[in-house]
Protein backbone atom coordinates (compact mmCIF):
# COMPACT_ATOMS: atom_id res chain seq x y z
CA MET A 1 86.30 82.71 118.41
CA GLN A 2 88.91 85.28 117.37
CA THR A 3 88.12 88.97 116.78
CA ALA A 4 89.31 90.68 113.62
CA THR A 5 91.89 93.55 114.35
CA PRO A 6 91.30 96.47 112.10
CA THR A 7 93.77 97.14 109.42
CA PRO A 8 95.24 100.29 110.00
CA VAL A 9 94.76 102.94 107.23
CA ASP A 10 97.78 104.04 105.39
CA PRO A 11 97.52 107.72 104.51
CA GLU A 12 99.81 107.38 101.80
CA ARG A 13 97.96 104.70 99.93
CA LEU A 14 96.70 105.53 96.57
CA ILE A 15 92.93 105.37 95.65
CA ASP A 16 91.27 105.83 92.27
CA GLY A 17 88.46 107.70 91.42
CA ALA A 18 86.23 104.71 91.35
CA PHE A 19 86.98 104.30 94.95
CA ILE A 20 86.12 107.88 95.86
CA ASP A 21 82.86 107.42 93.52
CA SER A 22 81.47 104.23 95.43
CA ASP A 23 82.37 105.79 98.93
CA LEU A 24 80.56 109.11 98.09
CA GLY A 25 77.82 107.31 96.04
CA ILE A 26 78.54 109.83 93.08
CA VAL A 27 79.44 109.30 89.44
CA ASP A 28 82.80 110.36 87.45
CA ARG A 29 81.22 113.62 86.56
CA THR A 30 80.28 115.04 89.79
CA ARG A 31 83.84 113.75 91.27
CA ARG A 32 85.45 115.80 88.33
CA ASN A 33 82.98 118.95 89.13
CA MET A 34 83.91 118.58 93.05
CA VAL A 35 87.49 118.61 92.12
CA ARG A 36 87.39 121.83 89.77
CA ARG A 37 85.15 123.40 92.75
CA GLY A 38 88.23 122.40 95.22
CA ASP A 39 85.65 120.36 97.13
CA LEU A 40 87.95 117.32 96.69
CA PRO A 41 91.74 117.70 95.93
CA GLU A 42 93.35 117.30 92.89
CA PRO A 43 94.99 114.13 91.83
CA VAL A 44 98.46 113.60 92.92
CA GLY A 45 99.36 111.56 89.67
CA TYR A 46 98.19 109.32 87.14
CA VAL A 47 99.09 105.64 86.77
CA GLY A 48 97.81 103.90 83.41
CA GLY A 49 96.27 106.92 82.51
CA ARG A 50 93.90 106.73 85.54
CA ALA A 51 93.94 109.72 88.35
CA ARG A 52 95.23 109.05 91.62
CA TRP A 53 94.42 110.22 94.88
CA ARG A 54 96.53 109.70 98.54
CA LEU A 55 93.72 108.19 100.86
CA GLY A 56 94.86 110.84 103.62
CA ASP A 57 94.14 113.63 101.16
CA TYR A 58 90.74 112.25 100.20
CA LEU A 59 89.62 111.37 103.62
CA ALA A 60 90.22 114.90 104.93
CA ALA A 61 88.08 116.19 102.41
CA ARG A 62 85.39 113.89 102.95
CA GLU A 63 85.50 114.61 106.79
CA ARG A 64 85.36 118.66 105.77
CA LEU A 65 82.30 117.85 103.27
CA LEU A 66 80.44 115.84 105.92
CA ALA A 67 81.15 118.64 108.65
CA SER A 68 79.54 121.22 106.66
CA GLY A 69 76.61 119.21 106.14
CA ARG A 70 76.41 118.39 102.61
CA PRO A 71 74.16 115.31 102.64
CA ARG A 72 75.63 112.23 100.78
CA ARG A 73 73.46 111.09 97.66
CA PRO A 74 72.21 107.62 98.20
CA ASN A 75 73.94 105.05 95.90
CA PRO A 76 71.40 104.06 93.51
CA SER A 77 72.68 100.28 93.55
CA SER A 78 71.66 100.08 97.05
CA ALA A 79 68.23 101.43 96.51
CA VAL A 80 65.36 99.21 97.52
CA ALA A 81 62.92 98.26 95.02
């Protein structure tokens, strides 16, 4: 049995808001507010009218958020009924 080799993270890869929302368990309005407050970086550009962020920029911001003790909101889709 082979062990899966982790895929290296490309910090230049572009991600969209849905990726961030899913990762943090937030909704788009919360993400926009976090960008406005400076908790998340500004998007680096737009593709097809949708904002894009560099993965490395987002991961650095996420680390700062977690280090500051901000609790992550639970993702409603993973709640147990």
